[in-house]
Amino acid sequence: QVQLVESGGGLVQTGGSLRLSCVASSVNIRVKGWYRQAPGKQRELVATVAIDGSTTYADSVKGRFTISRDSAKNTVYLQMNGLKSEDTAVYYCNAVDYRSGTPSMSWGQGTQVTVSS
């Protein structure tokens, strides 16, 4: 069973910061990035980080969010600065499970981020 534990969400005022963490229970579960889903909207990609550390970001968060990986801790972080009301969503980490030999995609349980004006 894949286990991805997310933490760090909460309520913050506009312009504030939060850091999300996603810990995978196995080194064979590779966290790829973060997605978010706002009420009434589709889930969208926020940021990804490759095993070599290269990153990609949605245009809406470039310059404000930073994704990073700590391989020793099997953890991926999402540092969110300059938060806006439109960043309010449930944030999910996304991973690929390689344990069975056939890669399969998995999601964390989600962590709520609420930005108040």
C-alpha atoms as a PDB file:
ATOM      1  CA  GLN A   1       0.000   0.000   0.000  1.00  0.00           C
ATOM      2  CA  VAL A   2       1.378   3.366  -1.038  1.00  0.00           C
ATOM      3  CA  GLN A   3       1.708   5.839   1.733  1.00  0.00           C
ATOM      4  CA  LEU A   4       2.200   9.498   1.065  1.00  0.00           C
ATOM      5  CA  VAL A   5       1.892  11.757   4.060  1.00  0.00           C
ATOM      6  CA  GLU A   6       1.265  15.424   3.363  1.00  0.00           C
ATOM      7  CA  SER A   7       1.492  18.206   5.898  1.00  0.00           C
ATOM      8  CA  GLY A   8       1.905  21.932   6.200  1.00  0.00           C
ATOM      9  CA  GLY A   9      -1.416  23.259   4.990  1.00  0.00           C
ATOM     10  CA  GLY A  10      -3.440  25.807   6.894  1.00  0.00           C
ATOM     11  CA  LEU A  11      -4.973  29.239   6.949  1.00  0.00           C
ATOM     12  CA  VAL A  12      -2.810  32.206   5.995  1.00  0.00           C
ATOM     13  CA  GLN A  13      -3.388  35.805   5.043  1.00  0.00           C
ATOM     14  CA  THR A  14      -2.726  37.195   1.594  1.00  0.00           C
ATOM     15  CA  GLY A  15       0.991  37.637   1.084  1.00  0.00           C
ATOM     16  CA  GLY A  16       1.872  35.003   3.665  1.00  0.00           C
ATOM     17  CA  SER A  17       3.872  31.813   3.331  1.00  0.00           C
ATOM     18  CA  LEU A  18       3.421  28.107   3.913  1.00  0.00           C
ATOM     19  CA  ARG A  19       5.621  25.088   3.340  1.00  0.00           C
ATOM     20  CA  LEU A  20       4.037  21.812   2.348  1.00  0.00           C
ATOM     21  CA  SER A  21       5.778  18.480   2.857  1.00  0.00           C
ATOM     22  CA  CYS A  22       5.138  15.107   1.251  1.00  0.00           C
ATOM     23  CA  VAL A  23       6.872  12.075   2.723  1.00  0.00           C
ATOM     24  CA  ALA A  24       6.851   8.740   0.906  1.00  0.00           C
ATOM     25  CA  SER A  25       6.949   5.553   2.953  1.00  0.00           C
ATOM     26  CA  SER A  26       9.386   3.785   0.611  1.00  0.00           C
ATOM     27  CA  VAL A  27      12.425   4.776  -1.421  1.00  0.00           C
ATOM     28  CA  ASN A  28      10.740   3.001  -4.344  1.00  0.00           C
ATOM     29  CA  ILE A  29       7.896   5.515  -4.232  1.00  0.00           C
ATOM     30  CA  ARG A  30       9.072   8.577  -6.093  1.00  0.00           C
ATOM     31  CA  VAL A  31       7.242  11.805  -5.389  1.00  0.00           C
ATOM     32  CA  LYS A  32       6.964  13.727  -8.645  1.00  0.00           C
ATOM     33  CA  GLY A  33       5.242  16.930  -7.666  1.00  0.00           C
ATOM     34  CA  TRP A  34       2.270  18.842  -6.353  1.00  0.00           C
ATOM     35  CA  TYR A  35      -1.180  19.409  -7.767  1.00  0.00           C
ATOM     36  CA  ARG A  36      -4.089  21.413  -6.418  1.00  0.00           C
ATOM     37  CA  GLN A  37      -7.846  21.421  -6.748  1.00  0.00           C
ATOM     38  CA  ALA A  38     -10.027  24.391  -5.917  1.00  0.00           C
ATOM     39  CA  PRO A  39     -13.778  24.019  -5.317  1.00  0.00           C
ATOM     40  CA  GLY A  40     -15.618  23.510  -8.580  1.00  0.00           C
ATOM     41  CA  LYS A  41     -12.407  23.295 -10.599  1.00  0.00           C
ATOM     42  CA  GLN A  42     -10.318  20.549 -12.084  1.00  0.00           C
ATOM     43  CA  ARG A  43      -7.136  19.363 -10.456  1.00  0.00           C
ATOM     44  CA  GLU A  44      -4.181  21.244 -11.892  1.00  0.00           C
ATOM     45  CA  LEU A  45      -0.438  20.835 -11.871  1.00  0.00           C
ATOM     46  CA  VAL A  46       1.439  23.210  -9.573  1.00  0.00           C
ATOM     47  CA  ALA A  47       5.049  22.055  -9.732  1.00  0.00           C
ATOM     48  CA  THR A  48       7.217  19.036 -10.433  1.00  0.00           C
ATOM     49  CA  VAL A  49      10.716  18.030  -9.437  1.00  0.00           C
ATOM     50  CA  ALA A  50      12.735  15.376 -11.215  1.00  0.00           C
ATOM     51  CA  ILE A  51      15.236  13.023  -9.647  1.00  0.00           C
ATOM     52  CA  ASP A  52      18.049  15.235 -10.970  1.00  0.00           C
ATOM     53  CA  GLY A  53      16.486  18.240  -9.259  1.00  0.00           C
ATOM     54  CA  SER A  54      15.154  19.934 -12.363  1.00  0.00           C
ATOM     55  CA  THR A  55      11.821  21.657 -11.788  1.00  0.00           C
ATOM     56  CA  THR A  56       8.757  22.885 -13.633  1.00  0.00           C
ATOM     57  CA  TYR A  57       6.056  25.289 -12.465  1.00  0.00           C
ATOM     58  CA  ALA A  58       2.624  26.405 -13.491  1.00  0.00           C
ATOM     59  CA  ASP A  59       2.747  29.950 -14.834  1.00  0.00           C
ATOM     60  CA  SER A  60       0.446  31.091 -12.033  1.00  0.00           C
ATOM     61  CA  VAL A  61       2.983  30.205  -9.321  1.00  0.00           C
ATOM     62  CA  LYS A  62       6.303  30.968 -11.004  1.00  0.00           C
ATOM     63  CA  GLY A  63       8.434  33.253  -8.897  1.00  0.00           C
ATOM     64  CA  ARG A  64       6.360  32.578  -5.772  1.00  0.00           C
ATOM     65  CA  PHE A  65       6.545  28.812  -5.198  1.00  0.00           C
ATOM     66  CA  THR A  66       9.635  26.628  -4.929  1.00  0.00           C
ATOM     67  CA  ILE A  67       9.628  22.853  -5.080  1.00  0.00           C
ATOM     68  CA  SER A  68      12.546  20.853  -3.725  1.00  0.00           C
ATOM     69  CA  ARG A  69      13.506  17.287  -2.949  1.00  0.00           C
ATOM     70  CA  ASP A  70      15.361  15.810   0.014  1.00  0.00           C
ATOM     71  CA  SER A  71      16.226  12.328  -1.208  1.00  0.00           C
ATOM     72  CA  ALA A  72      17.729  11.307   2.124  1.00  0.00           C
ATOM     73  CA  LYS A  73      14.348  11.921   3.762  1.00  0.00           C
ATOM     74  CA  ASN A  74      12.285  10.721   0.804  1.00  0.00           C
ATOM     75  CA  THR A  75      10.491  14.037   1.025  1.00  0.00           C
ATOM     76  CA  VAL A  76       9.404  16.708  -1.427  1.00  0.00           C
ATOM     77  CA  TYR A  77       8.640  20.217  -0.243  1.00  0.00           C
ATOM     78  CA  LEU A  78       6.610  23.053  -1.722  1.00  0.00           C
ATOM     79  CA  GLN A  79       7.569  26.454  -0.351  1.00  0.00           C
ATOM     80  CA  MET A  80       4.777  28.898  -1.092  1.00  0.00           C
ATOM     81  CA  ASN A  81       5.438  32.611  -0.718  1.00  0.00           C
ATOM     82  CA  GLY A  82       3.353  35.600  -1.668  1.00  0.00           C
ATOM     83  CA  LEU A  83       0.161  33.604  -1.348  1.00  0.00           C
ATOM     84  CA  LYS A  84      -2.958  34.910  -3.059  1.00  0.00           C
ATOM     85  CA  SER A  85      -6.630  34.103  -2.561  1.00  0.00           C
ATOM     86  CA  GLU A  86      -6.598  32.181  -5.843  1.00  0.00           C
ATOM     87  CA  ASP A  87      -4.069  29.768  -4.329  1.00  0.00           C
ATOM     88  CA  THR A  88      -6.808  28.483  -2.011  1.00  0.00           C
ATOM     89  CA  ALA A  89      -7.240  24.777  -2.785  1.00  0.00           C
ATOM     90  CA  VAL A  90      -6.580  21.283  -1.582  1.00  0.00           C
ATOM     91  CA  TYR A  91      -2.990  20.428  -2.454  1.00  0.00           C
ATOM     92  CA  TYR A  92      -2.070  16.864  -3.365  1.00  0.00           C
ATOM     93  CA  CYS A  93       1.320  15.292  -3.829  1.00  0.00           C
ATOM     94  CA  ASN A  94       1.701  12.891  -6.704  1.00  0.00           C
ATOM     95  CA  ALA A  95       4.030   9.914  -6.853  1.00  0.00           C
ATOM     96  CA  VAL A  96       4.956   6.910  -8.924  1.00  0.00           C
ATOM     97  CA  ASP A  97       5.177   3.567  -7.153  1.00  0.00           C
ATOM     98  CA  TYR A  98       7.920   1.350  -8.595  1.00  0.00           C
ATOM     99  CA  ARG A  99       7.747  -1.387  -5.968  1.00  0.00           C
ATOM    100  CA  SER A 100       5.870  -3.941  -8.059  1.00  0.00           C
ATOM    101  CA  GLY A 101       7.978  -3.437 -11.161  1.00  0.00           C
ATOM    102  CA  THR A 102       5.042  -1.867 -13.009  1.00  0.00           C
ATOM    103  CA  PRO A 103       4.947   1.860 -12.326  1.00  0.00           C
ATOM    104  CA  SER A 104       1.643   3.108 -10.963  1.00  0.00           C
ATOM    105  CA  MET A 105       0.533   6.598 -10.059  1.00  0.00           C
ATOM    106  CA  SER A 106      -0.544   7.446  -6.539  1.00  0.00           C
ATOM    107  CA  TRP A 107      -1.857  10.462  -4.651  1.00  0.00           C
ATOM    108  CA  GLY A 108      -1.643  11.730  -1.118  1.00  0.00           C
ATOM    109  CA  GLN A 109      -4.748  12.458   0.943  1.00  0.00           C
ATOM    110  CA  GLY A 110      -4.509  16.200   0.328  1.00  0.00           C
ATOM    111  CA  THR A 111      -3.845  19.166   2.578  1.00  0.00           C
ATOM    112  CA  GLN A 112      -6.038  22.259   2.636  1.00  0.00           C
ATOM    113  CA  VAL A 113      -4.516  25.658   1.951  1.00  0.00           C
ATOM    114  CA  THR A 114      -6.758  28.641   2.585  1.00  0.00           C
ATOM    115  CA  VAL A 115      -5.619  32.174   1.827  1.00  0.00           C
ATOM    116  CA  SER A 116      -7.754  34.918   3.331  1.00  0.00           C
ATOM    117  CA  SER A 117      -7.807  38.494   2.143  1.00  0.00           C
END
